[in-house]
Amino acid sequence: MAALSWNEIKDRALKFSKEWANTQNEEADAKPFLVEFFNVF
C-alpha cells in the first residue's frame, strides 16, 4: 500500500467533514465516525 500524498489526505478530510457536518446522534454515530475518520489517512 502506497503512502497518501498530503493533497489526497486534504481531499479525504474535506469529504469526511462534509459528510459528517450534520450528525445528530453522537452515540449511534460514534463507531462509524471513527472508522471513516481513520480512512482519511
PDB file of N, CA and C in Angstrom:
ATOM      1  N   MET A   1       0.852  -1.187   0.000  1.00  0.00           N
ATOM      2  CA  MET A   1       0.000   0.000   0.000  1.00  0.00           C
ATOM      3  C   MET A   1       0.891   1.241   0.000  1.00  0.00           C
ATOM      4  N   ALA A   2       0.655   2.122  -0.936  1.00  0.00           N
ATOM      5  CA  ALA A   2       1.450   3.343  -1.073  1.00  0.00           C
ATOM      6  C   ALA A   2       0.984   4.402  -0.079  1.00  0.00           C
ATOM      7  N   ALA A   3       1.926   5.235   0.311  1.00  0.00           N
ATOM      8  CA  ALA A   3       1.598   6.339   1.212  1.00  0.00           C
ATOM      9  C   ALA A   3       0.742   7.364   0.477  1.00  0.00           C
ATOM     10  N   LEU A   4      -0.148   7.988   1.202  1.00  0.00           N
ATOM     11  CA  LEU A   4      -1.006   9.016   0.615  1.00  0.00           C
ATOM     12  C   LEU A   4      -0.267  10.345   0.552  1.00  0.00           C
ATOM     13  N   SER A   5      -0.538  11.108  -0.482  1.00  0.00           N
ATOM     14  CA  SER A   5       0.023  12.455  -0.563  1.00  0.00           C
ATOM     15  C   SER A   5      -0.784  13.371   0.356  1.00  0.00           C
ATOM     16  N   TRP A   6      -0.205  14.515   0.686  1.00  0.00           N
ATOM     17  CA  TRP A   6      -0.925  15.474   1.532  1.00  0.00           C
ATOM     18  C   TRP A   6      -2.184  15.964   0.836  1.00  0.00           C
ATOM     19  N   ASN A   7      -2.122  16.110  -0.497  1.00  0.00           N
ATOM     20  CA  ASN A   7      -3.315  16.551  -1.229  1.00  0.00           C
ATOM     21  C   ASN A   7      -4.434  15.519  -1.132  1.00  0.00           C
ATOM     22  N   GLU A   8      -4.100  14.239  -1.202  1.00  0.00           N
ATOM     23  CA  GLU A   8      -5.109  13.183  -1.073  1.00  0.00           C
ATOM     24  C   GLU A   8      -5.708  13.190   0.337  1.00  0.00           C
ATOM     25  N   ILE A   9      -4.880  13.379   1.336  1.00  0.00           N
ATOM     26  CA  ILE A   9      -5.372  13.459   2.718  1.00  0.00           C
ATOM     27  C   ILE A   9      -6.294  14.666   2.875  1.00  0.00           C
ATOM     28  N   LYS A  10      -5.900  15.810   2.317  1.00  0.00           N
ATOM     29  CA  LYS A  10      -6.748  17.005   2.384  1.00  0.00           C
ATOM     30  C   LYS A  10      -8.084  16.764   1.706  1.00  0.00           C
ATOM     31  N   ASP A  11      -8.077  16.150   0.528  1.00  0.00           N
ATOM     32  CA  ASP A  11      -9.315  15.861  -0.184  1.00  0.00           C
ATOM     33  C   ASP A  11     -10.207  14.931   0.624  1.00  0.00           C
ATOM     34  N   ARG A  12      -9.621  13.899   1.197  1.00  0.00           N
ATOM     35  CA  ARG A  12     -10.396  12.958   2.009  1.00  0.00           C
ATOM     36  C   ARG A  12     -10.949  13.636   3.257  1.00  0.00           C
ATOM     37  N   ALA A  13     -10.147  14.495   3.880  1.00  0.00           N
ATOM     38  CA  ALA A  13     -10.577  15.195   5.092  1.00  0.00           C
ATOM     39  C   ALA A  13     -11.741  16.139   4.788  1.00  0.00           C
ATOM     40  N   LEU A  14     -11.679  16.820   3.651  1.00  0.00           N
ATOM     41  CA  LEU A  14     -12.759  17.715   3.269  1.00  0.00           C
ATOM     42  C   LEU A  14     -14.046  16.930   3.021  1.00  0.00           C
ATOM     43  N   LYS A  15     -13.944  15.831   2.300  1.00  0.00           N
ATOM     44  CA  LYS A  15     -15.106  14.983   2.038  1.00  0.00           C
ATOM     45  C   LYS A  15     -15.699  14.470   3.357  1.00  0.00           C
ATOM     46  N   PHE A  16     -14.833  13.997   4.251  1.00  0.00           N
ATOM     47  CA  PHE A  16     -15.253  13.496   5.560  1.00  0.00           C
ATOM     48  C   PHE A  16     -16.009  14.579   6.334  1.00  0.00           C
ATOM     49  N   SER A  17     -15.455  15.776   6.375  1.00  0.00           N
ATOM     50  CA  SER A  17     -16.078  16.844   7.161  1.00  0.00           C
ATOM     51  C   SER A  17     -17.450  17.214   6.609  1.00  0.00           C
ATOM     52  N   LYS A  18     -17.602  17.197   5.281  1.00  0.00           N
ATOM     53  CA  LYS A  18     -18.905  17.498   4.691  1.00  0.00           C
ATOM     54  C   LYS A  18     -19.918  16.397   4.998  1.00  0.00           C
ATOM     55  N   GLU A  19     -19.483  15.138   4.940  1.00  0.00           N
ATOM     56  CA  GLU A  19     -20.394  14.015   5.199  1.00  0.00           C
ATOM     57  C   GLU A  19     -20.885  13.993   6.643  1.00  0.00           C
ATOM     58  N   TRP A  20     -20.065  14.437   7.574  1.00  0.00           N
ATOM     59  CA  TRP A  20     -20.404  14.342   8.992  1.00  0.00           C
ATOM     60  C   TRP A  20     -20.838  15.684   9.601  1.00  0.00           C
ATOM     61  N   ALA A  21     -21.010  16.705   8.785  1.00  0.00           N
ATOM     62  CA  ALA A  21     -21.327  18.047   9.287  1.00  0.00           C
ATOM     63  C   ALA A  21     -22.642  18.111  10.067  1.00  0.00           C
ATOM     64  N   ASN A  22     -23.617  17.297   9.689  1.00  0.00           N
ATOM     65  CA  ASN A  22     -24.942  17.394  10.312  1.00  0.00           C
ATOM     66  C   ASN A  22     -25.303  16.203  11.187  1.00  0.00           C
ATOM     67  N   THR A  23     -24.314  15.552  11.742  1.00  0.00           N
ATOM     68  CA  THR A  23     -24.564  14.394  12.592  1.00  0.00           C
ATOM     69  C   THR A  23     -25.372  14.813  13.820  1.00  0.00           C
ATOM     70  N   GLN A  24     -26.388  14.027  14.139  1.00  0.00           N
ATOM     71  CA  GLN A  24     -27.289  14.364  15.243  1.00  0.00           C
ATOM     72  C   GLN A  24     -27.134  13.451  16.463  1.00  0.00           C
ATOM     73  N   ASN A  25     -26.867  12.161  16.249  1.00  0.00           N
ATOM     74  CA  ASN A  25     -26.868  11.201  17.339  1.00  0.00           C
ATOM     75  C   ASN A  25     -25.448  10.709  17.620  1.00  0.00           C
ATOM     76  N   GLU A  26     -24.812  11.302  18.606  1.00  0.00           N
ATOM     77  CA  GLU A  26     -23.416  11.001  18.892  1.00  0.00           C
ATOM     78  C   GLU A  26     -23.194   9.535  19.253  1.00  0.00           C
ATOM     79  N   GLU A  27     -24.066   8.962  20.067  1.00  0.00           N
ATOM     80  CA  GLU A  27     -23.883   7.568  20.472  1.00  0.00           C
ATOM     81  C   GLU A  27     -23.993   6.614  19.290  1.00  0.00           C
ATOM     82  N   ALA A  28     -24.986   6.786  18.468  1.00  0.00           N
ATOM     83  CA  ALA A  28     -25.200   5.885  17.332  1.00  0.00           C
ATOM     84  C   ALA A  28     -24.142   6.068  16.249  1.00  0.00           C
ATOM     85  N   ASP A  29     -23.600   7.278  16.128  1.00  0.00           N
ATOM     86  CA  ASP A  29     -22.660   7.570  15.058  1.00  0.00           C
ATOM     87  C   ASP A  29     -21.195   7.455  15.467  1.00  0.00           C
ATOM     88  N   ALA A  30     -20.904   7.170  16.711  1.00  0.00           N
ATOM     89  CA  ALA A  30     -19.524   7.174  17.198  1.00  0.00           C
ATOM     90  C   ALA A  30     -18.624   6.199  16.442  1.00  0.00           C
ATOM     91  N   LYS A  31     -19.036   4.952  16.328  1.00  0.00           N
ATOM     92  CA  LYS A  31     -18.179   3.962  15.665  1.00  0.00           C
ATOM     93  C   LYS A  31     -18.023   4.251  14.171  1.00  0.00           C
ATOM     94  N   PRO A  32     -19.124   4.474  13.425  1.00  0.00           N
ATOM     95  CA  PRO A  32     -18.939   4.798  12.002  1.00  0.00           C
ATOM     96  C   PRO A  32     -18.102   6.068  11.788  1.00  0.00           C
ATOM     97  N   PHE A  33     -18.255   7.038  12.687  1.00  0.00           N
ATOM     98  CA  PHE A  33     -17.473   8.269  12.599  1.00  0.00           C
ATOM     99  C   PHE A  33     -15.983   7.959  12.688  1.00  0.00           C
ATOM    100  N   LEU A  34     -15.609   7.165  13.670  1.00  0.00           N
ATOM    101  CA  LEU A  34     -14.195   6.842  13.845  1.00  0.00           C
ATOM    102  C   LEU A  34     -13.643   6.031  12.678  1.00  0.00           C
ATOM    103  N   VAL A  35     -14.416   5.087  12.184  1.00  0.00           N
ATOM    104  CA  VAL A  35     -13.979   4.289  11.034  1.00  0.00           C
ATOM    105  C   VAL A  35     -13.717   5.203   9.844  1.00  0.00           C
ATOM    106  N   GLU A  36     -14.660   6.080   9.560  1.00  0.00           N
ATOM    107  CA  GLU A  36     -14.495   6.993   8.431  1.00  0.00           C
ATOM    108  C   GLU A  36     -13.359   7.984   8.670  1.00  0.00           C
ATOM    109  N   PHE A  37     -13.198   8.446   9.915  1.00  0.00           N
ATOM    110  CA  PHE A  37     -12.113   9.370  10.232  1.00  0.00           C
ATOM    111  C   PHE A  37     -10.758   8.727   9.946  1.00  0.00           C
ATOM    112  N   PHE A  38     -10.561   7.510  10.383  1.00  0.00           N
ATOM    113  CA  PHE A  38      -9.271   6.865  10.169  1.00  0.00           C
ATOM    114  C   PHE A  38      -9.039   6.505   8.703  1.00  0.00           C
ATOM    115  N   ASN A  39     -10.125   6.416   7.915  1.00  0.00           N
ATOM    116  CA  ASN A  39      -9.971   6.201   6.480  1.00  0.00           C
ATOM    117  C   ASN A  39      -9.429   7.440   5.764  1.00  0.00           C
ATOM    118  N   VAL A  40      -9.468   8.596   6.429  1.00  0.00           N
ATOM    119  CA  VAL A  40      -8.893   9.803   5.848  1.00  0.00           C
ATOM    120  C   VAL A  40      -7.394   9.597   5.628  1.00  0.00           C
ATOM    121  N   PHE A  41      -6.755   8.868   6.532  1.00  0.00           N
ATOM    122  CA  PHE A  41      -5.313   8.683   6.487  1.00  0.00           C
ATOM    123  C   PHE A  41      -4.932   7.359   5.863  1.00  0.00           C
TER     124      PHE A  41
END
